[in-house]
Full PDB file with SEQRES, HELIX, SHEET, SSBOND, CRYST1, ORIGX, SCALE, CONECT and MASTER records, all heavy atoms in Angstrom:
SEQRES   1 A   33  LEU ASP LEU PHE CYS ARG ASP ASP GLN THR CYS VAL CYS          
SEQRES   2 A   33  SER ILE CYS SER VAL THR ASP HIS LYS ASN HIS ASN THR          
SEQRES   3 A   33  VAL ALA ILE GLU GLU GLU SER                                  
HELIX    1 AA1 CYS A   16  VAL A   18  5                                   3    
HELIX    2 AA2 ILE A   29  GLU A   32  1                                   4    
SHEET    1 AA1 3 THR A  10  VAL A  12  0                                        
SHEET    2 AA1 3 LEU A   3  CYS A   5 -1                                        
SHEET    3 AA1 3 THR A  26  ALA A  28 -1                                        
CRYST1    1.000    1.000    1.000  90.00  90.00  90.00 P 1           1          
ORIGX1      1.000000  0.000000  0.000000        0.00000                         
ORIGX2      0.000000  1.000000  0.000000        0.00000                         
ORIGX3      0.000000  0.000000  1.000000        0.00000                         
SCALE1      1.000000  0.000000  0.000000        0.00000                         
SCALE2      0.000000  1.000000  0.000000        0.00000                         
SCALE3      0.000000  0.000000  1.000000        0.00000                         
ATOM      1  N   LEU A   1     -21.170  -9.818 -54.334  1.00  0.00           N  
ATOM      2  CA  LEU A   1     -19.898  -9.365 -53.748  1.00  0.00           C  
ATOM      3  C   LEU A   1     -20.063  -9.469 -52.223  1.00  0.00           C  
ATOM      4  O   LEU A   1     -20.438  -8.522 -51.516  1.00  0.00           O  
ATOM      5  CB  LEU A   1     -19.546  -7.930 -54.117  1.00  0.00           C  
ATOM      6  CG  LEU A   1     -19.222  -7.686 -55.527  1.00  0.00           C  
ATOM      7  CD1 LEU A   1     -19.170  -6.182 -55.870  1.00  0.00           C  
ATOM      8  CD2 LEU A   1     -17.896  -8.316 -55.913  1.00  0.00           C  
ATOM      9  N   ASP A   2     -19.922 -10.660 -51.690  1.00  0.00           N  
ATOM     10  CA  ASP A   2     -20.194 -10.931 -50.269  1.00  0.00           C  
ATOM     11  C   ASP A   2     -18.963 -11.188 -49.415  1.00  0.00           C  
ATOM     12  O   ASP A   2     -19.031 -11.550 -48.256  1.00  0.00           O  
ATOM     13  CB  ASP A   2     -21.120 -12.166 -50.147  1.00  0.00           C  
ATOM     14  CG  ASP A   2     -20.628 -13.405 -50.893  1.00  0.00           C  
ATOM     15  OD1 ASP A   2     -19.515 -13.300 -51.450  1.00  0.00           O  
ATOM     16  OD2 ASP A   2     -21.334 -14.384 -50.831  1.00  0.00           O  
ATOM     17  N   LEU A   3     -17.765 -11.004 -50.030  1.00  0.00           N  
ATOM     18  CA  LEU A   3     -16.500 -11.210 -49.269  1.00  0.00           C  
ATOM     19  C   LEU A   3     -15.636  -9.964 -49.510  1.00  0.00           C  
ATOM     20  O   LEU A   3     -15.794  -9.198 -50.396  1.00  0.00           O  
ATOM     21  CB  LEU A   3     -15.749 -12.459 -49.806  1.00  0.00           C  
ATOM     22  CG  LEU A   3     -16.471 -13.808 -49.556  1.00  0.00           C  
ATOM     23  CD1 LEU A   3     -15.656 -14.885 -50.259  1.00  0.00           C  
ATOM     24  CD2 LEU A   3     -16.627 -14.082 -48.111  1.00  0.00           C  
ATOM     25  N   PHE A   4     -14.668  -9.804 -48.571  1.00  0.00           N  
ATOM     26  CA  PHE A   4     -13.708  -8.681 -48.656  1.00  0.00           C  
ATOM     27  C   PHE A   4     -12.290  -9.216 -48.581  1.00  0.00           C  
ATOM     28  O   PHE A   4     -11.970  -9.950 -47.650  1.00  0.00           O  
ATOM     29  CB  PHE A   4     -13.977  -7.679 -47.489  1.00  0.00           C  
ATOM     30  CG  PHE A   4     -13.141  -6.400 -47.618  1.00  0.00           C  
ATOM     31  CD1 PHE A   4     -13.523  -5.376 -48.452  1.00  0.00           C  
ATOM     32  CD2 PHE A   4     -11.994  -6.325 -46.893  1.00  0.00           C  
ATOM     33  CE1 PHE A   4     -12.800  -4.256 -48.561  1.00  0.00           C  
ATOM     34  CE2 PHE A   4     -11.186  -5.146 -47.009  1.00  0.00           C  
ATOM     35  CZ  PHE A   4     -11.611  -4.128 -47.854  1.00  0.00           C  
ATOM     36  N   CYS A   5     -11.490  -8.808 -49.547  1.00  0.00           N  
ATOM     37  CA  CYS A   5     -10.109  -9.265 -49.581  1.00  0.00           C  
ATOM     38  C   CYS A   5      -9.249  -8.169 -48.830  1.00  0.00           C  
ATOM     39  O   CYS A   5      -9.130  -7.048 -49.325  1.00  0.00           O  
ATOM     40  CB  CYS A   5      -9.633  -9.408 -51.017  1.00  0.00           C  
ATOM     41  SG  CYS A   5      -7.830  -9.835 -51.143  1.00  0.00           S  
ATOM     42  N   ARG A   6      -8.681  -8.586 -47.719  1.00  0.00           N  
ATOM     43  CA  ARG A   6      -7.916  -7.643 -46.955  1.00  0.00           C  
ATOM     44  C   ARG A   6      -6.521  -7.376 -47.561  1.00  0.00           C  
ATOM     45  O   ARG A   6      -5.954  -6.312 -47.359  1.00  0.00           O  
ATOM     46  CB  ARG A   6      -7.728  -8.170 -45.521  1.00  0.00           C  
ATOM     47  CG  ARG A   6      -9.020  -8.092 -44.698  1.00  0.00           C  
ATOM     48  CD  ARG A   6      -8.862  -8.640 -43.340  1.00  0.00           C  
ATOM     49  NE  ARG A   6     -10.038  -8.362 -42.534  1.00  0.00           N  
ATOM     50  CZ  ARG A   6     -10.264  -8.886 -41.304  1.00  0.00           C  
ATOM     51  NH1 ARG A   6      -9.404  -9.719 -40.771  1.00  0.00           N  
ATOM     52  NH2 ARG A   6     -11.355  -8.535 -40.604  1.00  0.00           N  
ATOM     53  N   ASP A   7      -6.078  -8.302 -48.329  1.00  0.00           N  
ATOM     54  CA  ASP A   7      -4.753  -8.095 -49.038  1.00  0.00           C  
ATOM     55  C   ASP A   7      -4.876  -7.034 -50.056  1.00  0.00           C  
ATOM     56  O   ASP A   7      -3.995  -6.188 -50.194  1.00  0.00           O  
ATOM     57  CB  ASP A   7      -4.259  -9.373 -49.652  1.00  0.00           C  
ATOM     58  CG  ASP A   7      -3.913 -10.447 -48.605  1.00  0.00           C  
ATOM     59  OD1 ASP A   7      -3.696 -10.080 -47.458  1.00  0.00           O  
ATOM     60  OD2 ASP A   7      -3.797 -11.633 -48.944  1.00  0.00           O  
ATOM     61  N   ASP A   8      -5.940  -7.100 -50.867  1.00  0.00           N  
ATOM     62  CA  ASP A   8      -6.109  -6.118 -51.955  1.00  0.00           C  
ATOM     63  C   ASP A   8      -7.088  -5.043 -51.641  1.00  0.00           C  
ATOM     64  O   ASP A   8      -7.360  -4.126 -52.415  1.00  0.00           O  
ATOM     65  CB  ASP A   8      -6.587  -6.855 -53.234  1.00  0.00           C  
ATOM     66  CG  ASP A   8      -5.540  -7.853 -53.769  1.00  0.00           C  
ATOM     67  OD1 ASP A   8      -4.358  -7.609 -53.482  1.00  0.00           O  
ATOM     68  OD2 ASP A   8      -5.932  -8.801 -54.415  1.00  0.00           O  
ATOM     69  N   GLN A   9      -7.703  -5.083 -50.418  1.00  0.00           N  
ATOM     70  CA  GLN A   9      -8.646  -4.042 -49.970  1.00  0.00           C  
ATOM     71  C   GLN A   9      -9.749  -3.823 -50.992  1.00  0.00           C  
ATOM     72  O   GLN A   9     -10.012  -2.732 -51.444  1.00  0.00           O  
ATOM     73  CB  GLN A   9      -7.883  -2.730 -49.694  1.00  0.00           C  
ATOM     74  CG  GLN A   9      -6.966  -2.794 -48.487  1.00  0.00           C  
ATOM     75  CD  GLN A   9      -7.784  -2.925 -47.200  1.00  0.00           C  
ATOM     76  OE1 GLN A   9      -8.562  -2.033 -46.803  1.00  0.00           O  
ATOM     77  NE2 GLN A   9      -7.575  -4.045 -46.489  1.00  0.00           N  
ATOM     78  N   THR A  10     -10.442  -4.931 -51.349  1.00  0.00           N  
ATOM     79  CA  THR A  10     -11.515  -4.835 -52.287  1.00  0.00           C  
ATOM     80  C   THR A  10     -12.549  -5.851 -52.033  1.00  0.00           C  
ATOM     81  O   THR A  10     -12.266  -6.929 -51.463  1.00  0.00           O  
ATOM     82  CB  THR A  10     -10.982  -4.920 -53.801  1.00  0.00           C  
ATOM     83  OG1 THR A  10     -12.017  -4.674 -54.715  1.00  0.00           O  
ATOM     84  CG2 THR A  10     -10.433  -6.324 -54.029  1.00  0.00           C  
ATOM     85  N   CYS A  11     -13.791  -5.610 -52.493  1.00  0.00           N  
ATOM     86  CA  CYS A  11     -14.900  -6.582 -52.331  1.00  0.00           C  
ATOM     87  C   CYS A  11     -14.822  -7.614 -53.462  1.00  0.00           C  
ATOM     88  O   CYS A  11     -14.608  -7.250 -54.611  1.00  0.00           O  
ATOM     89  CB  CYS A  11     -16.219  -5.870 -52.286  1.00  0.00           C  
ATOM     90  SG  CYS A  11     -16.438  -4.696 -50.965  1.00  0.00           S  
ATOM     91  N   VAL A  12     -15.049  -8.886 -53.082  1.00  0.00           N  
ATOM     92  CA  VAL A  12     -14.959  -9.948 -54.071  1.00  0.00           C  
ATOM     93  C   VAL A  12     -16.132 -10.934 -53.877  1.00  0.00           C  
ATOM     94  O   VAL A  12     -16.786 -10.934 -52.883  1.00  0.00           O  
ATOM     95  CB  VAL A  12     -13.627 -10.739 -53.984  1.00  0.00           C  
ATOM     96  CG1 VAL A  12     -12.457  -9.777 -54.224  1.00  0.00           C  
ATOM     97  CG2 VAL A  12     -13.507 -11.372 -52.587  1.00  0.00           C  
ATOM     98  N   CYS A  13     -16.318 -11.768 -54.880  1.00  0.00           N  
ATOM     99  CA  CYS A  13     -17.360 -12.822 -54.793  1.00  0.00           C  
ATOM    100  C   CYS A  13     -16.697 -14.162 -54.343  1.00  0.00           C  
ATOM    101  O   CYS A  13     -15.478 -14.251 -54.228  1.00  0.00           O  
ATOM    102  CB  CYS A  13     -18.048 -12.976 -56.097  1.00  0.00           C  
ATOM    103  SG  CYS A  13     -17.121 -13.767 -57.387  1.00  0.00           S  
ATOM    104  N   SER A  14     -17.472 -15.207 -54.190  1.00  0.00           N  
ATOM    105  CA  SER A  14     -16.936 -16.472 -53.705  1.00  0.00           C  
ATOM    106  C   SER A  14     -16.024 -17.114 -54.754  1.00  0.00           C  
ATOM    107  O   SER A  14     -15.075 -17.781 -54.379  1.00  0.00           O  
ATOM    108  CB  SER A  14     -18.099 -17.407 -53.400  1.00  0.00           C  
ATOM    109  OG  SER A  14     -18.945 -17.571 -54.534  1.00  0.00           O  
ATOM    110  N   ILE A  15     -16.232 -16.832 -56.033  1.00  0.00           N  
ATOM    111  CA  ILE A  15     -15.369 -17.456 -57.045  1.00  0.00           C  
ATOM    112  C   ILE A  15     -14.075 -16.698 -57.066  1.00  0.00           C  
ATOM    113  O   ILE A  15     -13.004 -17.288 -57.235  1.00  0.00           O  
ATOM    114  CB  ILE A  15     -16.088 -17.438 -58.418  1.00  0.00           C  
ATOM    115  CG1 ILE A  15     -17.346 -18.240 -58.406  1.00  0.00           C  
ATOM    116  CG2 ILE A  15     -15.136 -17.889 -59.518  1.00  0.00           C  
ATOM    117  CD1 ILE A  15     -18.092 -18.268 -59.693  1.00  0.00           C  
ATOM    118  N   CYS A  16     -14.147 -15.392 -56.948  1.00  0.00           N  
ATOM    119  CA  CYS A  16     -12.884 -14.573 -56.856  1.00  0.00           C  
ATOM    120  C   CYS A  16     -11.971 -15.091 -55.769  1.00  0.00           C  
ATOM    121  O   CYS A  16     -10.761 -15.112 -55.909  1.00  0.00           O  
ATOM    122  CB  CYS A  16     -13.226 -13.110 -56.607  1.00  0.00           C  
ATOM    123  SG  CYS A  16     -13.979 -12.273 -58.007  1.00  0.00           S  
ATOM    124  N   SER A  17     -12.584 -15.512 -54.670  1.00  0.00           N  
ATOM    125  CA  SER A  17     -11.785 -15.854 -53.499  1.00  0.00           C  
ATOM    126  C   SER A  17     -10.992 -17.143 -53.736  1.00  0.00           C  
ATOM    127  O   SER A  17     -10.025 -17.438 -53.013  1.00  0.00           O  
ATOM    128  CB  SER A  17     -12.716 -16.056 -52.261  1.00  0.00           C  
ATOM    129  OG  SER A  17     -13.578 -17.152 -52.460  1.00  0.00           O  
ATOM    130  N   VAL A  18     -11.380 -17.957 -54.676  1.00  0.00           N  
ATOM    131  CA  VAL A  18     -10.650 -19.192 -54.966  1.00  0.00           C  
ATOM    132  C   VAL A  18      -9.923 -19.165 -56.291  1.00  0.00           C  
ATOM    133  O   VAL A  18      -9.306 -20.156 -56.740  1.00  0.00           O  
ATOM    134  CB  VAL A  18     -11.584 -20.425 -54.947  1.00  0.00           C  
ATOM    135  CG1 VAL A  18     -12.191 -20.616 -53.572  1.00  0.00           C  
ATOM    136  CG2 VAL A  18     -12.709 -20.300 -55.998  1.00  0.00           C  
ATOM    137  N   THR A  19      -9.980 -17.981 -56.958  1.00  0.00           N  
ATOM    138  CA  THR A  19      -9.279 -17.868 -58.228  1.00  0.00           C  
ATOM    139  C   THR A  19      -8.238 -16.719 -58.078  1.00  0.00           C  
ATOM    140  O   THR A  19      -7.097 -16.887 -57.667  1.00  0.00           O  
ATOM    141  CB  THR A  19     -10.232 -17.616 -59.344  1.00  0.00           C  
ATOM    142  OG1 THR A  19     -11.092 -16.469 -59.078  1.00  0.00           O  
ATOM    143  CG2 THR A  19     -11.079 -18.812 -59.604  1.00  0.00           C  
ATOM    144  N   ASP A  20      -8.663 -15.517 -58.501  1.00  0.00           N  
ATOM    145  CA  ASP A  20      -7.741 -14.337 -58.458  1.00  0.00           C  
ATOM    146  C   ASP A  20      -7.206 -14.025 -57.110  1.00  0.00           C  
ATOM    147  O   ASP A  20      -6.140 -13.455 -56.993  1.00  0.00           O  
ATOM    148  CB  ASP A  20      -8.453 -13.105 -59.058  1.00  0.00           C  
ATOM    149  CG  ASP A  20      -8.826 -13.340 -60.521  1.00  0.00           C  
ATOM    150  OD1 ASP A  20      -8.290 -14.247 -61.157  1.00  0.00           O  
ATOM    151  OD2 ASP A  20      -9.685 -12.563 -61.040  1.00  0.00           O  
ATOM    152  N   HIS A  21      -7.979 -14.339 -56.076  1.00  0.00           N  
ATOM    153  CA  HIS A  21      -7.603 -13.982 -54.674  1.00  0.00           C  
ATOM    154  C   HIS A  21      -7.322 -15.251 -53.839  1.00  0.00           C  
ATOM    155  O   HIS A  21      -7.483 -15.222 -52.622  1.00  0.00           O  
ATOM    156  CB  HIS A  21      -8.685 -13.146 -54.049  1.00  0.00           C  
ATOM    157  CG  HIS A  21      -8.926 -11.848 -54.735  1.00  0.00           C  
ATOM    158  ND1 HIS A  21      -8.315 -10.642 -54.365  1.00  0.00           N  
ATOM    159  CD2 HIS A  21      -9.659 -11.491 -55.850  1.00  0.00           C  
ATOM    160  CE1 HIS A  21      -8.721  -9.685 -55.183  1.00  0.00           C  
ATOM    161  NE2 HIS A  21      -9.564 -10.181 -56.087  1.00  0.00           N  
ATOM    162  N   LYS A  22      -6.871 -16.271 -54.492  1.00  0.00           N  
ATOM    163  CA  LYS A  22      -6.582 -17.511 -53.804  1.00  0.00           C  
ATOM    164  C   LYS A  22      -5.449 -17.274 -52.853  1.00  0.00           C  
ATOM    165  O   LYS A  22      -4.480 -16.562 -53.145  1.00  0.00           O  
ATOM    166  CB  LYS A  22      -6.231 -18.598 -54.803  1.00  0.00           C  
ATOM    167  CG  LYS A  22      -5.976 -19.975 -54.185  1.00  0.00           C  
ATOM    168  CD  LYS A  22      -5.649 -21.062 -55.259  1.00  0.00           C  
ATOM    169  CE  LYS A  22      -5.416 -22.365 -54.632  1.00  0.00           C  
ATOM    170  NZ  LYS A  22      -5.105 -23.399 -55.645  1.00  0.00           N  
ATOM    171  N   ASN A  23      -5.565 -17.865 -51.647  1.00  0.00           N  
ATOM    172  CA  ASN A  23      -4.521 -17.701 -50.592  1.00  0.00           C  
ATOM    173  C   ASN A  23      -4.489 -16.283 -49.985  1.00  0.00           C  
ATOM    174  O   ASN A  23      -3.595 -15.964 -49.215  1.00  0.00           O  
ATOM    175  CB  ASN A  23      -3.155 -18.077 -51.082  1.00  0.00           C  
ATOM    176  CG  ASN A  23      -3.075 -19.579 -51.488  1.00  0.00           C  
ATOM    177  OD1 ASN A  23      -3.688 -20.414 -50.911  1.00  0.00           O  
ATOM    178  ND2 ASN A  23      -2.312 -19.764 -52.567  1.00  0.00           N  
ATOM    179  N   HIS A  24      -5.473 -15.440 -50.396  1.00  0.00           N  
ATOM    180  CA  HIS A  24      -5.531 -14.098 -49.815  1.00  0.00           C  
ATOM    181  C   HIS A  24      -6.404 -14.221 -48.487  1.00  0.00           C  
ATOM    182  O   HIS A  24      -7.144 -15.121 -48.292  1.00  0.00           O  
ATOM    183  CB  HIS A  24      -6.175 -13.106 -50.777  1.00  0.00           C  
ATOM    184  CG  HIS A  24      -5.277 -12.710 -51.828  1.00  0.00           C  
ATOM    185  ND1 HIS A  24      -5.541 -11.639 -52.707  1.00  0.00           N  
ATOM    186  CD2 HIS A  24      -4.060 -13.162 -52.279  1.00  0.00           C  
ATOM    187  CE1 HIS A  24      -4.520 -11.512 -53.577  1.00  0.00           C  
ATOM    188  NE2 HIS A  24      -3.656 -12.440 -53.343  1.00  0.00           N  
ATOM    189  N   ASN A  25      -6.186 -13.187 -47.688  1.00  0.00           N  
ATOM    190  CA  ASN A  25      -7.030 -13.105 -46.428  1.00  0.00           C  
ATOM    191  C   ASN A  25      -8.359 -12.470 -46.749  1.00  0.00           C  
ATOM    192  O   ASN A  25      -8.492 -11.248 -46.887  1.00  0.00           O  
ATOM    193  CB  ASN A  25      -6.237 -12.239 -45.433  1.00  0.00           C  
ATOM    194  CG  ASN A  25      -7.003 -12.189 -44.135  1.00  0.00           C  
ATOM    195  OD1 ASN A  25      -7.935 -12.917 -43.859  1.00  0.00           O  
ATOM    196  ND2 ASN A  25      -6.619 -11.242 -43.246  1.00  0.00           N  
ATOM    197  N   THR A  26      -9.400 -13.345 -46.902  1.00  0.00           N  
ATOM    198  CA  THR A  26     -10.780 -12.851 -47.225  1.00  0.00           C  
ATOM    199  C   THR A  26     -11.660 -13.159 -46.067  1.00  0.00           C  
ATOM    200  O   THR A  26     -11.592 -14.202 -45.403  1.00  0.00           O  
ATOM    201  CB  THR A  26     -11.278 -13.530 -48.498  1.00  0.00           C  
ATOM    202  OG1 THR A  26     -11.233 -14.940 -48.345  1.00  0.00           O  
ATOM    203  CG2 THR A  26     -10.444 -13.091 -49.709  1.00  0.00           C  
ATOM    204  N   VAL A  27     -12.545 -12.201 -45.783  1.00  0.00           N  
ATOM    205  CA  VAL A  27     -13.556 -12.336 -44.702  1.00  0.00           C  
ATOM    206  C   VAL A  27     -14.917 -11.924 -45.252  1.00  0.00           C  
ATOM    207  O   VAL A  27     -15.020 -11.277 -46.281  1.00  0.00           O  
ATOM    208  CB  VAL A  27     -13.142 -11.474 -43.493  1.00  0.00           C  
ATOM    209  CG1 VAL A  27     -11.848 -12.002 -42.863  1.00  0.00           C  
ATOM    210  CG2 VAL A  27     -13.084 -10.021 -43.883  1.00  0.00           C  
ATOM    211  N   ALA A  28     -15.923 -12.287 -44.473  1.00  0.00           N  
ATOM    212  CA  ALA A  28     -17.277 -11.891 -44.841  1.00  0.00           C  
ATOM    213  C   ALA A  28     -17.345 -10.329 -44.803  1.00  0.00           C  
ATOM    214  O   ALA A  28     -16.727  -9.642 -44.018  1.00  0.00           O  
ATOM    215  CB  ALA A  28     -18.326 -12.375 -43.812  1.00  0.00           C  
ATOM    216  N   ILE A  29     -18.141  -9.824 -45.788  1.00  0.00           N  
ATOM    217  CA  ILE A  29     -18.198  -8.381 -45.959  1.00  0.00           C  
ATOM    218  C   ILE A  29     -18.765  -7.726 -44.729  1.00  0.00           C  
ATOM    219  O   ILE A  29     -18.428  -6.596 -44.339  1.00  0.00           O  
ATOM    220  CB  ILE A  29     -19.084  -8.053 -47.221  1.00  0.00           C  
ATOM    221  CG1 ILE A  29     -18.856  -6.577 -47.629  1.00  0.00           C  
ATOM    222  CG2 ILE A  29     -20.499  -8.352 -47.037  1.00  0.00           C  
ATOM    223  CD1 ILE A  29     -19.501  -6.251 -48.928  1.00  0.00           C  
ATOM    224  N   GLU A  30     -19.676  -8.501 -44.029  1.00  0.00           N  
ATOM    225  CA  GLU A  30     -20.302  -7.939 -42.783  1.00  0.00           C  
ATOM    226  C   GLU A  30     -19.228  -7.785 -41.694  1.00  0.00           C  
ATOM    227  O   GLU A  30     -19.223  -6.829 -40.955  1.00  0.00           O  
ATOM    228  CB  GLU A  30     -21.434  -8.814 -42.273  1.00  0.00           C  
ATOM    229  CG  GLU A  30     -22.659  -8.851 -43.222  1.00  0.00           C  
ATOM    230  CD  GLU A  30     -22.499  -9.876 -44.350  1.00  0.00           C  
ATOM    231  OE1 GLU A  30     -21.440 -10.541 -44.404  1.00  0.00           O  
ATOM    232  OE2 GLU A  30     -23.433  -9.987 -45.119  1.00  0.00           O  
ATOM    233  N   GLU A  31     -18.365  -8.791 -41.628  1.00  0.00           N  
ATOM    234  CA  GLU A  31     -17.286  -8.769 -40.603  1.00  0.00           C  
ATOM    235  C   GLU A  31     -16.343  -7.565 -40.799  1.00  0.00           C  
ATOM    236  O   GLU A  31     -16.007  -6.857 -39.922  1.00  0.00           O  
ATOM    237  CB  GLU A  31     -16.510 -10.034 -40.601  1.00  0.00           C  
ATOM    238  CG  GLU A  31     -15.352 -10.102 -39.636  1.00  0.00           C  
ATOM    239  CD  GLU A  31     -14.507 -11.344 -39.725  1.00  0.00           C  
ATOM    240  OE1 GLU A  31     -15.033 -12.363 -40.309  1.00  0.00           O  
ATOM    241  OE2 GLU A  31     -13.354 -11.378 -39.203  1.00  0.00           O  
ATOM    242  N   GLU A  32     -15.937  -7.376 -42.048  1.00  0.00           N  
ATOM    243  CA  GLU A  32     -14.964  -6.279 -42.380  1.00  0.00           C  
ATOM    244  C   GLU A  32     -15.678  -4.948 -42.157  1.00  0.00           C  
ATOM    245  O   GLU A  32     -15.087  -3.953 -41.704  1.00  0.00           O  
ATOM    246  CB  GLU A  32     -14.544  -6.411 -43.829  1.00  0.00           C  
ATOM    247  CG  GLU A  32     -13.547  -5.327 -44.231  1.00  0.00           C  
ATOM    248  CD  GLU A  32     -12.159  -5.497 -43.530  1.00  0.00           C  
ATOM    249  OE1 GLU A  32     -11.923  -6.566 -42.975  1.00  0.00           O  
ATOM    250  OE2 GLU A  32     -11.348  -4.539 -43.610  1.00  0.00           O  
ATOM    251  N   SER A  33     -16.975  -4.842 -42.546  1.00  0.00           N  
ATOM    252  CA  SER A  33     -17.687  -3.628 -42.370  1.00  0.00           C  
ATOM    253  C   SER A  33     -17.796  -3.220 -40.908  1.00  0.00           C  
ATOM    254  O   SER A  33     -17.613  -2.055 -40.544  1.00  0.00           O  
ATOM    255  CB  SER A  33     -19.102  -3.763 -42.965  1.00  0.00           C  
ATOM    256  OG  SER A  33     -19.890  -2.586 -42.769  1.00  0.00           O  
TER     257      SER A  33                                                      
MASTER        0    0    0    2    3    0    0    6  256    1    0    3          
END                                                                             
């Protein structure tokens, strides 16, 4: 879980970011933290 979805306010993995969270605003977990 190395990414954070700002639209859904949850931590996601790289595959999530291109599937369930496609077109969502995702950033590195370190940046959001």
